[in-house]
Structures are given as structure tokens and as C-alpha cells.
Amino acid sequence: MPGTLWWSLMVVLFFFWAYGIVSFGLDLKNTIIPGIIKYRRGRRRQKAKQQREEEREEREQQLY
């Protein structure tokens, strides 16, 4: 009886351990990685916009 109880508890713990790993992997795939990509894309756009703005201001300065 104690051996059966011990193995039953280990199976339950293994299930939740495996479920946690799979859940973390799915969170990475569906939430975290797309969020990082979106963040980097936004930063790139912001940097490009700032560079265009600086070039425009530089051209305006050259006109005067």
C-alpha cells in the first residue's frame, strides 16, 4: 500500500511538472516571443522615424 501511494503521488507530481513545461513552452510561442518581436519592430520604426526627423531638420538648417 505505501509503495502504491508513493508511486501515485509521483505520477501526479510528474503530470503537473510536465504540464508546467508544456504550458511555459506554449506561452513562449504564443505570447512572449511575438511580444519581443513586436517590441523590436516598434523600436526599429521609432528609430527610423527619429532619423528621418533629424535629416529633415538638418536640411531645414542648411536652407537658412
PDB file of N, CA and C in Angstrom:
ATOM      1  N   MET A   1       0.821  -1.211   0.000  1.00  0.00           N
ATOM      2  CA  MET A   1       0.000   0.000   0.000  1.00  0.00           C
ATOM      3  C   MET A   1       0.856   1.263   0.000  1.00  0.00           C
ATOM      4  N   PRO A   2       1.847   1.405   0.870  1.00  0.00           N
ATOM      5  CA  PRO A   2       2.636   2.643   0.862  1.00  0.00           C
ATOM      6  C   PRO A   2       3.372   2.839  -0.467  1.00  0.00           C
ATOM      7  N   GLY A   3       3.831   1.757  -1.093  1.00  0.00           N
ATOM      8  CA  GLY A   3       4.505   1.869  -2.382  1.00  0.00           C
ATOM      9  C   GLY A   3       3.564   2.378  -3.460  1.00  0.00           C
ATOM     10  N   THR A   4       2.334   1.895  -3.455  1.00  0.00           N
ATOM     11  CA  THR A   4       1.324   2.321  -4.428  1.00  0.00           C
ATOM     12  C   THR A   4       0.994   3.797  -4.241  1.00  0.00           C
ATOM     13  N   LEU A   5       0.861   4.212  -2.990  1.00  0.00           N
ATOM     14  CA  LEU A   5       0.571   5.615  -2.696  1.00  0.00           C
ATOM     15  C   LEU A   5       1.726   6.509  -3.163  1.00  0.00           C
ATOM     16  N   TRP A   6       2.961   6.057  -2.897  1.00  0.00           N
ATOM     17  CA  TRP A   6       4.140   6.837  -3.288  1.00  0.00           C
ATOM     18  C   TRP A   6       4.193   6.996  -4.801  1.00  0.00           C
ATOM     19  N   TRP A   7       3.995   5.897  -5.538  1.00  0.00           N
ATOM     20  CA  TRP A   7       4.019   5.962  -6.998  1.00  0.00           C
ATOM     21  C   TRP A   7       2.868   6.816  -7.531  1.00  0.00           C
ATOM     22  N   SER A   8       1.711   6.727  -6.910  1.00  0.00           N
ATOM     23  CA  SER A   8       0.570   7.553  -7.336  1.00  0.00           C
ATOM     24  C   SER A   8       0.897   9.037  -7.183  1.00  0.00           C
ATOM     25  N   LEU A   9       1.488   9.405  -6.064  1.00  0.00           N
ATOM     26  CA  LEU A   9       1.860  10.796  -5.839  1.00  0.00           C
ATOM     27  C   LEU A   9       2.936  11.244  -6.835  1.00  0.00           C
ATOM     28  N   MET A  10       3.880  10.368  -7.138  1.00  0.00           N
ATOM     29  CA  MET A  10       4.927  10.724  -8.098  1.00  0.00           C
ATOM     30  C   MET A  10       4.344  10.928  -9.493  1.00  0.00           C
ATOM     31  N   VAL A  11       3.371  10.113  -9.881  1.00  0.00           N
ATOM     32  CA  VAL A  11       2.719  10.275 -11.185  1.00  0.00           C
ATOM     33  C   VAL A  11       1.978  11.603 -11.237  1.00  0.00           C
ATOM     34  N   VAL A  12       1.276  11.943 -10.164  1.00  0.00           N
ATOM     35  CA  VAL A  12       0.546  13.218 -10.115  1.00  0.00           C
ATOM     36  C   VAL A  12       1.530  14.381 -10.193  1.00  0.00           C
ATOM     37  N   LEU A  13       2.614  14.325  -9.437  1.00  0.00           N
ATOM     38  CA  LEU A  13       3.612  15.392  -9.476  1.00  0.00           C
ATOM     39  C   LEU A  13       4.263  15.495 -10.856  1.00  0.00           C
ATOM     40  N   PHE A  14       4.550  14.348 -11.469  1.00  0.00           N
ATOM     41  CA  PHE A  14       5.128  14.362 -12.813  1.00  0.00           C
ATOM     42  C   PHE A  14       4.167  14.990 -13.811  1.00  0.00           C
ATOM     43  N   PHE A  15       2.877  14.693 -13.676  1.00  0.00           N
ATOM     44  CA  PHE A  15       1.879  15.274 -14.581  1.00  0.00           C
ATOM     45  C   PHE A  15       1.917  16.794 -14.502  1.00  0.00           C
ATOM     46  N   PHE A  16       1.904  17.343 -13.283  1.00  0.00           N
ATOM     47  CA  PHE A  16       1.900  18.796 -13.137  1.00  0.00           C
ATOM     48  C   PHE A  16       3.240  19.405 -13.571  1.00  0.00           C
ATOM     49  N   TRP A  17       4.329  18.698 -13.371  1.00  0.00           N
ATOM     50  CA  TRP A  17       5.637  19.163 -13.822  1.00  0.00           C
ATOM     51  C   TRP A  17       5.661  19.240 -15.355  1.00  0.00           C
ATOM     52  N   ALA A  18       5.204  18.168 -16.001  1.00  0.00           N
ATOM     53  CA  ALA A  18       5.172  18.133 -17.469  1.00  0.00           C
ATOM     54  C   ALA A  18       4.194  19.181 -18.006  1.00  0.00           C
ATOM     55  N   TYR A  19       3.052  19.326 -17.350  1.00  0.00           N
ATOM     56  CA  TYR A  19       2.062  20.325 -17.763  1.00  0.00           C
ATOM     57  C   TYR A  19       2.659  21.731 -17.679  1.00  0.00           C
ATOM     58  N   GLY A  20       3.420  21.994 -16.632  1.00  0.00           N
ATOM     59  CA  GLY A  20       4.065  23.296 -16.463  1.00  0.00           C
ATOM     60  C   GLY A  20       5.070  23.574 -17.567  1.00  0.00           C
ATOM     61  N   ILE A  21       5.857  22.580 -17.932  1.00  0.00           N
ATOM     62  CA  ILE A  21       6.841  22.759 -19.006  1.00  0.00           C
ATOM     63  C   ILE A  21       6.134  23.021 -20.337  1.00  0.00           C
ATOM     64  N   VAL A  22       5.115  22.254 -20.646  1.00  0.00           N
ATOM     65  CA  VAL A  22       4.375  22.442 -21.898  1.00  0.00           C
ATOM     66  C   VAL A  22       3.689  23.808 -21.910  1.00  0.00           C
ATOM     67  N   SER A  23       3.094  24.182 -20.793  1.00  0.00           N
ATOM     68  CA  SER A  23       2.421  25.470 -20.696  1.00  0.00           C
ATOM     69  C   SER A  23       3.408  26.619 -20.888  1.00  0.00           C
ATOM     70  N   PHE A  24       4.593  26.499 -20.299  1.00  0.00           N
ATOM     71  CA  PHE A  24       5.612  27.529 -20.462  1.00  0.00           C
ATOM     72  C   PHE A  24       6.052  27.608 -21.921  1.00  0.00           C
ATOM     73  N   GLY A  25       6.221  26.478 -22.563  1.00  0.00           N
ATOM     74  CA  GLY A  25       6.600  26.471 -23.979  1.00  0.00           C
ATOM     75  C   GLY A  25       5.550  27.133 -24.851  1.00  0.00           C
ATOM     76  N   LEU A  26       4.295  26.855 -24.584  1.00  0.00           N
ATOM     77  CA  LEU A  26       3.220  27.478 -25.363  1.00  0.00           C
ATOM     78  C   LEU A  26       3.145  28.973 -25.091  1.00  0.00           C
ATOM     79  N   ASP A  27       3.371  29.384 -23.837  1.00  0.00           N
ATOM     80  CA  ASP A  27       3.411  30.819 -23.525  1.00  0.00           C
ATOM     81  C   ASP A  27       4.535  31.494 -24.288  1.00  0.00           C
ATOM     82  N   LEU A  28       5.684  30.856 -24.347  1.00  0.00           N
ATOM     83  CA  LEU A  28       6.797  31.417 -25.111  1.00  0.00           C
ATOM     84  C   LEU A  28       6.396  31.596 -26.574  1.00  0.00           C
ATOM     85  N   LYS A  29       5.828  30.537 -27.144  1.00  0.00           N
ATOM     86  CA  LYS A  29       5.496  30.531 -28.571  1.00  0.00           C
ATOM     87  C   LYS A  29       4.392  31.541 -28.893  1.00  0.00           C
ATOM     88  N   ASN A  30       3.384  31.652 -28.048  1.00  0.00           N
ATOM     89  CA  ASN A  30       2.202  32.440 -28.385  1.00  0.00           C
ATOM     90  C   ASN A  30       2.189  33.849 -27.791  1.00  0.00           C
ATOM     91  N   THR A  31       2.977  34.119 -26.756  1.00  0.00           N
ATOM     92  CA  THR A  31       2.883  35.404 -26.087  1.00  0.00           C
ATOM     93  C   THR A  31       4.218  36.121 -26.007  1.00  0.00           C
ATOM     94  N   ILE A  32       5.215  35.473 -25.464  1.00  0.00           N
ATOM     95  CA  ILE A  32       6.467  36.151 -25.145  1.00  0.00           C
ATOM     96  C   ILE A  32       7.267  36.455 -26.407  1.00  0.00           C
ATOM     97  N   ILE A  33       7.476  35.480 -27.261  1.00  0.00           N
ATOM     98  CA  ILE A  33       8.268  35.701 -28.479  1.00  0.00           C
ATOM     99  C   ILE A  33       7.579  36.699 -29.415  1.00  0.00           C
ATOM    100  N   PRO A  34       6.261  36.587 -29.675  1.00  0.00           N
ATOM    101  CA  PRO A  34       5.618  37.622 -30.500  1.00  0.00           C
ATOM    102  C   PRO A  34       5.699  39.011 -29.862  1.00  0.00           C
ATOM    103  N   GLY A  35       5.631  39.084 -28.534  1.00  0.00           N
ATOM    104  CA  GLY A  35       5.752  40.370 -27.856  1.00  0.00           C
ATOM    105  C   GLY A  35       7.124  40.979 -28.041  1.00  0.00           C
ATOM    106  N   ILE A  36       8.157  40.160 -27.961  1.00  0.00           N
ATOM    107  CA  ILE A  36       9.526  40.643 -28.167  1.00  0.00           C
ATOM    108  C   ILE A  36       9.697  41.123 -29.610  1.00  0.00           C
ATOM    109  N   ILE A  37       9.170  40.365 -30.560  1.00  0.00           N
ATOM    110  CA  ILE A  37       9.272  40.753 -31.972  1.00  0.00           C
ATOM    111  C   ILE A  37       8.550  42.074 -32.212  1.00  0.00           C
ATOM    112  N   LYS A  38       7.365  42.212 -31.643  1.00  0.00           N
ATOM    113  CA  LYS A  38       6.586  43.440 -31.794  1.00  0.00           C
ATOM    114  C   LYS A  38       7.325  44.624 -31.167  1.00  0.00           C
ATOM    115  N   TYR A  39       7.922  44.417 -30.011  1.00  0.00           N
ATOM    116  CA  TYR A  39       8.674  45.470 -29.333  1.00  0.00           C
ATOM    117  C   TYR A  39       9.859  45.922 -30.186  1.00  0.00           C
ATOM    118  N   ARG A  40      10.620  44.937 -30.694  1.00  0.00           N
ATOM    119  CA  ARG A  40      11.794  45.274 -31.514  1.00  0.00           C
ATOM    120  C   ARG A  40      11.387  45.991 -32.799  1.00  0.00           C
ATOM    121  N   ARG A  41      10.281  45.549 -33.403  1.00  0.00           N
ATOM    122  CA  ARG A  41       9.785  46.188 -34.624  1.00  0.00           C
ATOM    123  C   ARG A  41       9.396  47.640 -34.332  1.00  0.00           C
ATOM    124  N   GLY A  42       8.736  47.865 -33.212  1.00  0.00           N
ATOM    125  CA  GLY A  42       8.349  49.219 -32.828  1.00  0.00           C
ATOM    126  C   GLY A  42       9.556  50.099 -32.570  1.00  0.00           C
ATOM    127  N   ARG A  43      10.570  49.539 -31.903  1.00  0.00           N
ATOM    128  CA  ARG A  43      11.791  50.311 -31.648  1.00  0.00           C
ATOM    129  C   ARG A  43      12.484  50.673 -32.954  1.00  0.00           C
ATOM    130  N   ARG A  44      12.518  49.740 -33.905  1.00  0.00           N
ATOM    131  CA  ARG A  44      13.133  49.996 -35.203  1.00  0.00           C
ATOM    132  C   ARG A  44      12.393  51.119 -35.933  1.00  0.00           C
ATOM    133  N   ARG A  45      11.047  51.061 -35.904  1.00  0.00           N
ATOM    134  CA  ARG A  45      10.253  52.112 -36.551  1.00  0.00           C
ATOM    135  C   ARG A  45      10.493  53.458 -35.886  1.00  0.00           C
ATOM    136  N   GLN A  46      10.556  53.450 -34.559  1.00  0.00           N
ATOM    137  CA  GLN A  46      10.779  54.687 -33.823  1.00  0.00           C
ATOM    138  C   GLN A  46      12.150  55.283 -34.162  1.00  0.00           C
ATOM    139  N   LYS A  47      13.143  54.427 -34.253  1.00  0.00           N
ATOM    140  CA  LYS A  47      14.489  54.871 -34.591  1.00  0.00           C
ATOM    141  C   LYS A  47      14.524  55.445 -36.010  1.00  0.00           C
ATOM    142  N   ALA A  48      13.864  54.781 -36.960  1.00  0.00           N
ATOM    143  CA  ALA A  48      13.825  55.258 -38.340  1.00  0.00           C
ATOM    144  C   ALA A  48      13.099  56.600 -38.418  1.00  0.00           C
ATOM    145  N   LYS A  49      12.004  56.735 -37.673  1.00  0.00           N
ATOM    146  CA  LYS A  49      11.253  57.990 -37.668  1.00  0.00           C
ATOM    147  C   LYS A  49      12.116  59.114 -37.096  1.00  0.00           C
ATOM    148  N   GLN A  50      12.820  58.826 -36.028  1.00  0.00           N
ATOM    149  CA  GLN A  50      13.688  59.829 -35.420  1.00  0.00           C
ATOM    150  C   GLN A  50      14.808  60.231 -36.389  1.00  0.00           C
ATOM    151  N   GLN A  51      15.352  59.266 -37.096  1.00  0.00           N
ATOM    152  CA  GLN A  51      16.413  59.558 -38.063  1.00  0.00           C
ATOM    153  C   GLN A  51      15.887  60.421 -39.204  1.00  0.00           C
ATOM    154  N   ARG A  52      14.686  60.104 -39.702  1.00  0.00           N
ATOM    155  CA  ARG A  52      14.084  60.927 -40.760  1.00  0.00           C
ATOM    156  C   ARG A  52      13.857  62.359 -40.271  1.00  0.00           C
ATOM    157  N   GLU A  53      13.386  62.476 -39.042  1.00  0.00           N
ATOM    158  CA  GLU A  53      13.144  63.794 -38.454  1.00  0.00           C
ATOM    159  C   GLU A  53      14.451  64.592 -38.338  1.00  0.00           C
ATOM    160  N   GLU A  54      15.512  63.936 -37.910  1.00  0.00           N
ATOM    161  CA  GLU A  54      16.807  64.605 -37.796  1.00  0.00           C
ATOM    162  C   GLU A  54      17.321  65.038 -39.169  1.00  0.00           C
ATOM    163  N   GLU A  55      17.143  64.192 -40.177  1.00  0.00           N
ATOM    164  CA  GLU A  55      17.563  64.551 -41.535  1.00  0.00           C
ATOM    165  C   GLU A  55      16.768  65.733 -42.065  1.00  0.00           C
ATOM    166  N   ARG A  56      15.473  65.752 -41.773  1.00  0.00           N
ATOM    167  CA  ARG A  56      14.616  66.865 -42.196  1.00  0.00           C
ATOM    168  C   ARG A  56      15.065  68.162 -41.535  1.00  0.00           C
ATOM    169  N   GLU A  57      15.331  68.099 -40.223  1.00  0.00           N
ATOM    170  CA  GLU A  57      15.793  69.296 -39.511  1.00  0.00           C
ATOM    171  C   GLU A  57      17.154  69.759 -40.052  1.00  0.00           C
ATOM    172  N   GLU A  58      17.991  68.824 -40.390  1.00  0.00           N
ATOM    173  CA  GLU A  58      19.314  69.168 -40.931  1.00  0.00           C
ATOM    174  C   GLU A  58      19.162  69.874 -42.290  1.00  0.00           C
ATOM    175  N   ARG A  59      18.256  69.374 -43.128  1.00  0.00           N
ATOM    176  CA  ARG A  59      18.001  70.013 -44.420  1.00  0.00           C
ATOM    177  C   ARG A  59      17.439  71.416 -44.230  1.00  0.00           C
ATOM    178  N   GLU A  60      16.544  71.568 -43.249  1.00  0.00           N
ATOM    179  CA  GLU A  60      15.979  72.898 -42.970  1.00  0.00           C
ATOM    180  C   GLU A  60      17.084  73.861 -42.529  1.00  0.00           C
ATOM    181  N   GLN A  61      18.006  73.374 -41.706  1.00  0.00           N
ATOM    182  CA  GLN A  61      19.101  74.214 -41.231  1.00  0.00           C
ATOM    183  C   GLN A  61      19.983  74.637 -42.403  1.00  0.00           C
ATOM    184  N   GLN A  62      20.172  73.742 -43.343  1.00  0.00           N
ATOM    185  CA  GLN A  62      21.019  74.070 -44.496  1.00  0.00           C
ATOM    186  C   GLN A  62      20.368  75.098 -45.413  1.00  0.00           C
ATOM    187  N   LEU A  63      19.049  75.134 -45.421  1.00  0.00           N
ATOM    188  CA  LEU A  63      18.341  76.099 -46.252  1.00  0.00           C
ATOM    189  C   LEU A  63      18.507  77.516 -45.733  1.00  0.00           C
ATOM    190  N   TYR A  64      18.696  77.686 -44.440  1.00  0.00           N
ATOM    191  CA  TYR A  64      18.814  79.035 -43.860  1.00  0.00           C
ATOM    192  C   TYR A  64      20.205  79.531 -43.813  1.00  0.00           C
TER     193      TYR A  64
END
